[in-house]
Amino acid sequence: TPSTGGGTPSTGTGGNSSSNGNLEIANL
């Protein structure tokens, strides 16, 4: 989400993993 402080933004790795998991299950 848009950062409101000085923290480092998320790299999105977890999101890609979730998408891959959804696609794998959908493909089955």
mmCIF file of all heavy atoms, coordinates in Angstrom:
data_MODEL
# 
_entry.id   MODEL 
# 
loop_
_atom_site.group_PDB 
_atom_site.id 
_atom_site.type_symbol 
_atom_site.label_atom_id 
_atom_site.label_alt_id 
_atom_site.label_comp_id 
_atom_site.label_asym_id 
_atom_site.label_entity_id 
_atom_site.label_seq_id 
_atom_site.pdbx_PDB_ins_code 
_atom_site.Cartn_x 
_atom_site.Cartn_y 
_atom_site.Cartn_z 
_atom_site.occupancy 
_atom_site.B_iso_or_equiv 
_atom_site.pdbx_formal_charge 
_atom_site.auth_seq_id 
_atom_site.auth_comp_id 
_atom_site.auth_asym_id 
_atom_site.auth_atom_id 
_atom_site.pdbx_PDB_model_num 
ATOM 1   N N   . THR A 1 1  ? 0.874  -1.190  0.000   1.00 0.00 ? 1  THR A N   1 
ATOM 2   C CA  . THR A 1 1  ? 0.000  0.000   0.000   1.00 0.00 ? 1  THR A CA  1 
ATOM 3   C C   . THR A 1 1  ? 0.897  1.221   0.000   1.00 0.00 ? 1  THR A C   1 
ATOM 4   O O   . THR A 1 1  ? 2.062  1.161   0.395   1.00 0.00 ? 1  THR A O   1 
ATOM 5   C CB  . THR A 1 1  ? -0.874 0.013   1.254   1.00 0.00 ? 1  THR A CB  1 
ATOM 6   O OG1 . THR A 1 1  ? -0.045 -0.051  2.404   1.00 0.00 ? 1  THR A OG1 1 
ATOM 7   C CG2 . THR A 1 1  ? -1.806 -1.200  1.277   1.00 0.00 ? 1  THR A CG2 1 
ATOM 8   N N   . PRO A 1 2  ? 0.355  2.326   -0.435  1.00 0.00 ? 2  PRO A N   1 
ATOM 9   C CA  . PRO A 1 2  ? 1.204  3.543   -0.449  1.00 0.00 ? 2  PRO A CA  1 
ATOM 10  C C   . PRO A 1 2  ? 1.773  3.820   0.933   1.00 0.00 ? 2  PRO A C   1 
ATOM 11  O O   . PRO A 1 2  ? 1.042  3.825   1.926   1.00 0.00 ? 2  PRO A O   1 
ATOM 12  C CB  . PRO A 1 2  ? 0.220  4.645   -0.885  1.00 0.00 ? 2  PRO A CB  1 
ATOM 13  C CG  . PRO A 1 2  ? -0.853 3.907   -1.649  1.00 0.00 ? 2  PRO A CG  1 
ATOM 14  C CD  . PRO A 1 2  ? -0.971 2.593   -0.965  1.00 0.00 ? 2  PRO A CD  1 
ATOM 15  N N   . SER A 1 3  ? 3.064  4.045   0.972   1.00 0.00 ? 3  SER A N   1 
ATOM 16  C CA  . SER A 1 3  ? 3.743  4.252   2.255   1.00 0.00 ? 3  SER A CA  1 
ATOM 17  C C   . SER A 1 3  ? 3.491  5.665   2.765   1.00 0.00 ? 3  SER A C   1 
ATOM 18  O O   . SER A 1 3  ? 3.556  6.628   2.025   1.00 0.00 ? 3  SER A O   1 
ATOM 19  C CB  . SER A 1 3  ? 5.247  4.024   2.079   1.00 0.00 ? 3  SER A CB  1 
ATOM 20  O OG  . SER A 1 3  ? 5.911  4.301   3.264   1.00 0.00 ? 3  SER A OG  1 
ATOM 21  N N   . THR A 1 4  ? 3.206  5.748   4.040   1.00 0.00 ? 4  THR A N   1 
ATOM 22  C CA  . THR A 1 4  ? 3.001  7.064   4.648   1.00 0.00 ? 4  THR A CA  1 
ATOM 23  C C   . THR A 1 4  ? 4.171  7.443   5.526   1.00 0.00 ? 4  THR A C   1 
ATOM 24  O O   . THR A 1 4  ? 4.188  8.490   6.130   1.00 0.00 ? 4  THR A O   1 
ATOM 25  C CB  . THR A 1 4  ? 1.715  7.073   5.495   1.00 0.00 ? 4  THR A CB  1 
ATOM 26  O OG1 . THR A 1 4  ? 1.828  6.048   6.488   1.00 0.00 ? 4  THR A OG1 1 
ATOM 27  C CG2 . THR A 1 4  ? 0.496  6.808   4.630   1.00 0.00 ? 4  THR A CG2 1 
ATOM 28  N N   . GLY A 1 5  ? 5.099  6.519   5.604   1.00 0.00 ? 5  GLY A N   1 
ATOM 29  C CA  . GLY A 1 5  ? 6.255  6.824   6.441   1.00 0.00 ? 5  GLY A CA  1 
ATOM 30  C C   . GLY A 1 5  ? 7.516  6.533   5.684   1.00 0.00 ? 5  GLY A C   1 
ATOM 31  O O   . GLY A 1 5  ? 7.548  6.484   4.461   1.00 0.00 ? 5  GLY A O   1 
ATOM 32  N N   . GLY A 1 6  ? 8.566  6.294   6.402   1.00 0.00 ? 6  GLY A N   1 
ATOM 33  C CA  . GLY A 1 6  ? 9.843  6.066   5.771   1.00 0.00 ? 6  GLY A CA  1 
ATOM 34  C C   . GLY A 1 6  ? 10.166 4.633   5.576   1.00 0.00 ? 6  GLY A C   1 
ATOM 35  O O   . GLY A 1 6  ? 11.289 4.301   5.259   1.00 0.00 ? 6  GLY A O   1 
ATOM 36  N N   . GLY A 1 7  ? 9.198  3.762   5.817   1.00 0.00 ? 7  GLY A N   1 
ATOM 37  C CA  . GLY A 1 7  ? 9.466  2.334   5.682   1.00 0.00 ? 7  GLY A CA  1 
ATOM 38  C C   . GLY A 1 7  ? 9.735  1.949   4.252   1.00 0.00 ? 7  GLY A C   1 
ATOM 39  O O   . GLY A 1 7  ? 9.379  2.637   3.310   1.00 0.00 ? 7  GLY A O   1 
ATOM 40  N N   . THR A 1 8  ? 10.394 0.796   4.096   1.00 0.00 ? 8  THR A N   1 
ATOM 41  C CA  . THR A 1 8  ? 10.677 0.273   2.767   1.00 0.00 ? 8  THR A CA  1 
ATOM 42  C C   . THR A 1 8  ? 9.446  -0.414  2.209   1.00 0.00 ? 8  THR A C   1 
ATOM 43  O O   . THR A 1 8  ? 8.832  -1.240  2.862   1.00 0.00 ? 8  THR A O   1 
ATOM 44  C CB  . THR A 1 8  ? 11.826 -0.754  2.822   1.00 0.00 ? 8  THR A CB  1 
ATOM 45  O OG1 . THR A 1 8  ? 12.944 -0.096  3.401   1.00 0.00 ? 8  THR A OG1 1 
ATOM 46  C CG2 . THR A 1 8  ? 12.181 -1.272  1.450   1.00 0.00 ? 8  THR A CG2 1 
ATOM 47  N N   . PRO A 1 9  ? 9.031  -0.103  0.986   1.00 0.00 ? 9  PRO A N   1 
ATOM 48  C CA  . PRO A 1 9  ? 7.848  -0.733  0.395   1.00 0.00 ? 9  PRO A CA  1 
ATOM 49  C C   . PRO A 1 9  ? 8.052  -2.236  0.258   1.00 0.00 ? 9  PRO A C   1 
ATOM 50  O O   . PRO A 1 9  ? 9.159  -2.710  0.058   1.00 0.00 ? 9  PRO A O   1 
ATOM 51  C CB  . PRO A 1 9  ? 7.708  -0.071  -0.976  1.00 0.00 ? 9  PRO A CB  1 
ATOM 52  C CG  . PRO A 1 9  ? 8.545  1.165   -0.904  1.00 0.00 ? 9  PRO A CG  1 
ATOM 53  C CD  . PRO A 1 9  ? 9.631  0.884   0.077   1.00 0.00 ? 9  PRO A CD  1 
ATOM 54  N N   . SER A 1 10 ? 6.926  -2.971  0.276   1.00 0.00 ? 10 SER A N   1 
ATOM 55  C CA  . SER A 1 10 ? 6.978  -4.421  0.102   1.00 0.00 ? 10 SER A CA  1 
ATOM 56  C C   . SER A 1 10 ? 7.433  -4.750  -1.303  1.00 0.00 ? 10 SER A C   1 
ATOM 57  O O   . SER A 1 10 ? 7.103  -4.064  -2.264  1.00 0.00 ? 10 SER A O   1 
ATOM 58  C CB  . SER A 1 10 ? 5.593  -5.029  0.346   1.00 0.00 ? 10 SER A CB  1 
ATOM 59  O OG  . SER A 1 10 ? 5.569  -6.375  -0.071  1.00 0.00 ? 10 SER A OG  1 
ATOM 60  N N   . THR A 1 11 ? 8.232  -5.814  -1.449  1.00 0.00 ? 11 THR A N   1 
ATOM 61  C CA  . THR A 1 11 ? 8.720  -6.222  -2.764  1.00 0.00 ? 11 THR A CA  1 
ATOM 62  C C   . THR A 1 11 ? 7.641  -6.939  -3.567  1.00 0.00 ? 11 THR A C   1 
ATOM 63  O O   . THR A 1 11 ? 7.804  -7.182  -4.750  1.00 0.00 ? 11 THR A O   1 
ATOM 64  C CB  . THR A 1 11 ? 9.920  -7.179  -2.613  1.00 0.00 ? 11 THR A CB  1 
ATOM 65  O OG1 . THR A 1 11 ? 9.476  -8.331  -1.896  1.00 0.00 ? 11 THR A OG1 1 
ATOM 66  C CG2 . THR A 1 11 ? 11.043 -6.500  -1.868  1.00 0.00 ? 11 THR A CG2 1 
ATOM 67  N N   . GLY A 1 12 ? 6.562  -7.354  -2.912  1.00 0.00 ? 12 GLY A N   1 
ATOM 68  C CA  . GLY A 1 12 ? 5.487  -8.033  -3.636  1.00 0.00 ? 12 GLY A CA  1 
ATOM 69  C C   . GLY A 1 12 ? 5.745  -9.503  -3.833  1.00 0.00 ? 12 GLY A C   1 
ATOM 70  O O   . GLY A 1 12 ? 5.002  -10.170 -4.528  1.00 0.00 ? 12 GLY A O   1 
ATOM 71  N N   . THR A 1 13 ? 6.780  -10.068 -3.267  1.00 0.00 ? 13 THR A N   1 
ATOM 72  C CA  . THR A 1 13 ? 7.081  -11.486 -3.464  1.00 0.00 ? 13 THR A CA  1 
ATOM 73  C C   . THR A 1 13 ? 5.956  -12.364 -2.988  1.00 0.00 ? 13 THR A C   1 
ATOM 74  O O   . THR A 1 13 ? 5.569  -13.329 -3.628  1.00 0.00 ? 13 THR A O   1 
ATOM 75  C CB  . THR A 1 13 ? 8.375  -11.854 -2.723  1.00 0.00 ? 13 THR A CB  1 
ATOM 76  O OG1 . THR A 1 13 ? 9.415  -11.020 -3.205  1.00 0.00 ? 13 THR A OG1 1 
ATOM 77  C CG2 . THR A 1 13 ? 8.739  -13.300 -2.939  1.00 0.00 ? 13 THR A CG2 1 
ATOM 78  N N   . GLY A 1 14 ? 5.399  -12.054 -1.818  1.00 0.00 ? 14 GLY A N   1 
ATOM 79  C CA  . GLY A 1 14 ? 4.291  -12.859 -1.299  1.00 0.00 ? 14 GLY A CA  1 
ATOM 80  C C   . GLY A 1 14 ? 3.110  -12.830 -2.240  1.00 0.00 ? 14 GLY A C   1 
ATOM 81  O O   . GLY A 1 14 ? 2.439  -13.826 -2.441  1.00 0.00 ? 14 GLY A O   1 
ATOM 82  N N   . GLY A 1 15 ? 2.788  -11.689 -2.844  1.00 0.00 ? 15 GLY A N   1 
ATOM 83  C CA  . GLY A 1 15 ? 1.667  -11.579 -3.772  1.00 0.00 ? 15 GLY A CA  1 
ATOM 84  C C   . GLY A 1 15 ? 1.862  -12.471 -4.969  1.00 0.00 ? 15 GLY A C   1 
ATOM 85  O O   . GLY A 1 15 ? 0.948  -13.135 -5.432  1.00 0.00 ? 15 GLY A O   1 
ATOM 86  N N   . ASN A 1 16 ? 3.061  -12.513 -5.521  1.00 0.00 ? 16 ASN A N   1 
ATOM 87  C CA  . ASN A 1 16 ? 3.336  -13.372 -6.683  1.00 0.00 ? 16 ASN A CA  1 
ATOM 88  C C   . ASN A 1 16 ? 3.156  -14.820 -6.310  1.00 0.00 ? 16 ASN A C   1 
ATOM 89  O O   . ASN A 1 16 ? 2.649  -15.634 -7.083  1.00 0.00 ? 16 ASN A O   1 
ATOM 90  C CB  . ASN A 1 16 ? 4.760  -13.121 -7.187  1.00 0.00 ? 16 ASN A CB  1 
ATOM 91  C CG  . ASN A 1 16 ? 4.873  -11.772 -7.876  1.00 0.00 ? 16 ASN A CG  1 
ATOM 92  O OD1 . ASN A 1 16 ? 3.876  -11.241 -8.351  1.00 0.00 ? 16 ASN A OD1 1 
ATOM 93  N ND2 . ASN A 1 16 ? 6.087  -11.227 -7.900  1.00 0.00 ? 16 ASN A ND2 1 
ATOM 94  N N   . SER A 1 17 ? 3.575  -15.182 -5.096  1.00 0.00 ? 17 SER A N   1 
ATOM 95  C CA  . SER A 1 17 ? 3.442  -16.570 -4.650  1.00 0.00 ? 17 SER A CA  1 
ATOM 96  C C   . SER A 1 17 ? 1.973  -16.945 -4.565  1.00 0.00 ? 17 SER A C   1 
ATOM 97  O O   . SER A 1 17 ? 1.572  -18.041 -4.928  1.00 0.00 ? 17 SER A O   1 
ATOM 98  C CB  . SER A 1 17 ? 4.119  -16.737 -3.289  1.00 0.00 ? 17 SER A CB  1 
ATOM 99  O OG  . SER A 1 17 ? 3.924  -18.033 -2.778  1.00 0.00 ? 17 SER A OG  1 
ATOM 100 N N   . SER A 1 18 ? 1.166  -16.001 -4.049  1.00 0.00 ? 18 SER A N   1 
ATOM 101 C CA  . SER A 1 18 ? -0.270 -16.264 -3.943  1.00 0.00 ? 18 SER A CA  1 
ATOM 102 C C   . SER A 1 18 ? -0.889 -16.446 -5.315  1.00 0.00 ? 18 SER A C   1 
ATOM 103 O O   . SER A 1 18 ? -1.698 -17.345 -5.545  1.00 0.00 ? 18 SER A O   1 
ATOM 104 C CB  . SER A 1 18 ? -0.948 -15.107 -3.210  1.00 0.00 ? 18 SER A CB  1 
ATOM 105 O OG  . SER A 1 18 ? -2.340 -15.293 -3.175  1.00 0.00 ? 18 SER A OG  1 
ATOM 106 N N   . SER A 1 19 ? -0.500 -15.609 -6.255  1.00 0.00 ? 19 SER A N   1 
ATOM 107 C CA  . SER A 1 19 ? -1.041 -15.718 -7.616  1.00 0.00 ? 19 SER A CA  1 
ATOM 108 C C   . SER A 1 19 ? -0.664 -17.047 -8.251  1.00 0.00 ? 19 SER A C   1 
ATOM 109 O O   . SER A 1 19 ? -1.475 -17.702 -8.907  1.00 0.00 ? 19 SER A O   1 
ATOM 110 C CB  . SER A 1 19 ? -0.513 -14.567 -8.479  1.00 0.00 ? 19 SER A CB  1 
ATOM 111 O OG  . SER A 1 19 ? -0.961 -13.329 -7.963  1.00 0.00 ? 19 SER A OG  1 
ATOM 112 N N   . ASN A 1 20 ? 0.596  -17.429 -8.045  1.00 0.00 ? 20 ASN A N   1 
ATOM 113 C CA  . ASN A 1 20 ? 1.051  -18.708 -8.601  1.00 0.00 ? 20 ASN A CA  1 
ATOM 114 C C   . ASN A 1 20 ? 0.271  -19.872 -7.995  1.00 0.00 ? 20 ASN A C   1 
ATOM 115 O O   . ASN A 1 20 ? -0.084 -20.836 -8.674  1.00 0.00 ? 20 ASN A O   1 
ATOM 116 C CB  . ASN A 1 20 ? 2.546  -18.890 -8.339  1.00 0.00 ? 20 ASN A CB  1 
ATOM 117 C CG  . ASN A 1 20 ? 3.381  -17.928 -9.170  1.00 0.00 ? 20 ASN A CG  1 
ATOM 118 O OD1 . ASN A 1 20 ? 2.912  -17.433 -10.205 1.00 0.00 ? 20 ASN A OD1 1 
ATOM 119 N ND2 . ASN A 1 20 ? 4.601  -17.664 -8.733  1.00 0.00 ? 20 ASN A ND2 1 
ATOM 120 N N   . GLY A 1 21 ? 0.005  -19.785 -6.683  1.00 0.00 ? 21 GLY A N   1 
ATOM 121 C CA  . GLY A 1 21 ? -0.760 -20.847 -6.021  1.00 0.00 ? 21 GLY A CA  1 
ATOM 122 C C   . GLY A 1 21 ? -2.173 -20.929 -6.564  1.00 0.00 ? 21 GLY A C   1 
ATOM 123 O O   . GLY A 1 21 ? -2.701 -22.012 -6.804  1.00 0.00 ? 21 GLY A O   1 
ATOM 124 N N   . ASN A 1 22 ? -2.798 -19.755 -6.739  1.00 0.00 ? 22 ASN A N   1 
ATOM 125 C CA  . ASN A 1 22 ? -4.152 -19.739 -7.288  1.00 0.00 ? 22 ASN A CA  1 
ATOM 126 C C   . ASN A 1 22 ? -4.187 -20.327 -8.684  1.00 0.00 ? 22 ASN A C   1 
ATOM 127 O O   . ASN A 1 22 ? -5.101 -21.081 -9.047  1.00 0.00 ? 22 ASN A O   1 
ATOM 128 C CB  . ASN A 1 22 ? -4.699 -18.307 -7.322  1.00 0.00 ? 22 ASN A CB  1 
ATOM 129 C CG  . ASN A 1 22 ? -5.086 -17.808 -5.939  1.00 0.00 ? 22 ASN A CG  1 
ATOM 130 O OD1 . ASN A 1 22 ? -5.388 -18.597 -5.059  1.00 0.00 ? 22 ASN A OD1 1 
ATOM 131 N ND2 . ASN A 1 22 ? -5.055 -16.482 -5.750  1.00 0.00 ? 22 ASN A ND2 1 
ATOM 132 N N   . LEU A 1 23 ? -3.208 -19.969 -9.491  1.00 0.00 ? 23 LEU A N   1 
ATOM 133 C CA  . LEU A 1 23 ? -3.167 -20.454 -10.875 1.00 0.00 ? 23 LEU A CA  1 
ATOM 134 C C   . LEU A 1 23 ? -2.946 -21.966 -10.908 1.00 0.00 ? 23 LEU A C   1 
ATOM 135 O O   . LEU A 1 23 ? -3.569 -22.674 -11.709 1.00 0.00 ? 23 LEU A O   1 
ATOM 136 C CB  . LEU A 1 23 ? -2.042 -19.736 -11.633 1.00 0.00 ? 23 LEU A CB  1 
ATOM 137 C CG  . LEU A 1 23 ? -1.930 -20.116 -13.128 1.00 0.00 ? 23 LEU A CG  1 
ATOM 138 C CD1 . LEU A 1 23 ? -3.229 -19.772 -13.858 1.00 0.00 ? 23 LEU A CD1 1 
ATOM 139 C CD2 . LEU A 1 23 ? -0.749 -19.384 -13.767 1.00 0.00 ? 23 LEU A CD2 1 
ATOM 140 N N   . GLU A 1 24 ? -2.089 -22.454 -10.035 1.00 0.00 ? 24 GLU A N   1 
ATOM 141 C CA  . GLU A 1 24 ? -1.826 -23.894 -9.989  1.00 0.00 ? 24 GLU A CA  1 
ATOM 142 C C   . GLU A 1 24 ? -3.095 -24.668 -9.641  1.00 0.00 ? 24 GLU A C   1 
ATOM 143 O O   . GLU A 1 24 ? -3.436 -25.668 -10.280 1.00 0.00 ? 24 GLU A O   1 
ATOM 144 C CB  . GLU A 1 24 ? -0.726 -24.194 -8.977  1.00 0.00 ? 24 GLU A CB  1 
ATOM 145 C CG  . GLU A 1 24 ? -0.385 -25.685 -8.884  1.00 0.00 ? 24 GLU A CG  1 
ATOM 146 C CD  . GLU A 1 24 ? 0.687  -25.967 -7.840  1.00 0.00 ? 24 GLU A CD  1 
ATOM 147 O OE1 . GLU A 1 24 ? 1.193  -25.003 -7.234  1.00 0.00 ? 24 GLU A OE1 1 
ATOM 148 O OE2 . GLU A 1 24 ? 0.989  -27.149 -7.637  1.00 0.00 ? 24 GLU A OE2 1 
ATOM 149 N N   . ILE A 1 25 ? -3.810 -24.186 -8.619  1.00 0.00 ? 25 ILE A N   1 
ATOM 150 C CA  . ILE A 1 25 ? -5.045 -24.856 -8.196  1.00 0.00 ? 25 ILE A CA  1 
ATOM 151 C C   . ILE A 1 25 ? -6.105 -24.759 -9.293  1.00 0.00 ? 25 ILE A C   1 
ATOM 152 O O   . ILE A 1 25 ? -6.801 -25.725 -9.605  1.00 0.00 ? 25 ILE A O   1 
ATOM 153 C CB  . ILE A 1 25 ? -5.570 -24.231 -6.887  1.00 0.00 ? 25 ILE A CB  1 
ATOM 154 C CG1 . ILE A 1 25 ? -4.587 -24.518 -5.750  1.00 0.00 ? 25 ILE A CG1 1 
ATOM 155 C CG2 . ILE A 1 25 ? -6.963 -24.762 -6.546  1.00 0.00 ? 25 ILE A CG2 1 
ATOM 156 C CD1 . ILE A 1 25 ? -4.926 -23.790 -4.452  1.00 0.00 ? 25 ILE A CD1 1 
ATOM 157 N N   . ALA A 1 26 ? -6.223 -23.582 -9.913  1.00 0.00 ? 26 ALA A N   1 
ATOM 158 C CA  . ALA A 1 26 ? -7.203 -23.390 -10.991 1.00 0.00 ? 26 ALA A CA  1 
ATOM 159 C C   . ALA A 1 26 ? -6.898 -24.309 -12.168 1.00 0.00 ? 26 ALA A C   1 
ATOM 160 O O   . ALA A 1 26 ? -7.808 -24.878 -12.780 1.00 0.00 ? 26 ALA A O   1 
ATOM 161 C CB  . ALA A 1 26 ? -7.220 -21.933 -11.441 1.00 0.00 ? 26 ALA A CB  1 
ATOM 162 N N   . ASN A 1 27 ? -5.626 -24.465 -12.482 1.00 0.00 ? 27 ASN A N   1 
ATOM 163 C CA  . ASN A 1 27 ? -5.243 -25.317 -13.616 1.00 0.00 ? 27 ASN A CA  1 
ATOM 164 C C   . ASN A 1 27 ? -5.594 -26.785 -13.374 1.00 0.00 ? 27 ASN A C   1 
ATOM 165 O O   . ASN A 1 27 ? -5.926 -27.528 -14.297 1.00 0.00 ? 27 ASN A O   1 
ATOM 166 C CB  . ASN A 1 27 ? -3.751 -25.173 -13.911 1.00 0.00 ? 27 ASN A CB  1 
ATOM 167 C CG  . ASN A 1 27 ? -3.431 -23.891 -14.658 1.00 0.00 ? 27 ASN A CG  1 
ATOM 168 O OD1 . ASN A 1 27 ? -4.328 -23.286 -15.267 1.00 0.00 ? 27 ASN A OD1 1 
ATOM 169 N ND2 . ASN A 1 27 ? -2.180 -23.449 -14.625 1.00 0.00 ? 27 ASN A ND2 1 
ATOM 170 N N   . LEU A 1 28 ? -5.483 -27.212 -12.107 1.00 0.00 ? 28 LEU A N   1 
ATOM 171 C CA  . LEU A 1 28 ? -5.854 -28.589 -11.785 1.00 0.00 ? 28 LEU A CA  1 
ATOM 172 C C   . LEU A 1 28 ? -7.341 -28.824 -12.053 1.00 0.00 ? 28 LEU A C   1 
ATOM 173 O O   . LEU A 1 28 ? -7.744 -29.847 -12.622 1.00 0.00 ? 28 LEU A O   1 
ATOM 174 C CB  . LEU A 1 28 ? -5.528 -28.899 -10.319 1.00 0.00 ? 28 LEU A CB  1 
ATOM 175 C CG  . LEU A 1 28 ? -4.048 -29.058 -9.973  1.00 0.00 ? 28 LEU A CG  1 
ATOM 176 C CD1 . LEU A 1 28 ? -3.871 -29.197 -8.467  1.00 0.00 ? 28 LEU A CD1 1 
ATOM 177 C CD2 . LEU A 1 28 ? -3.453 -30.276 -10.688 1.00 0.00 ? 28 LEU A CD2 1 
# 
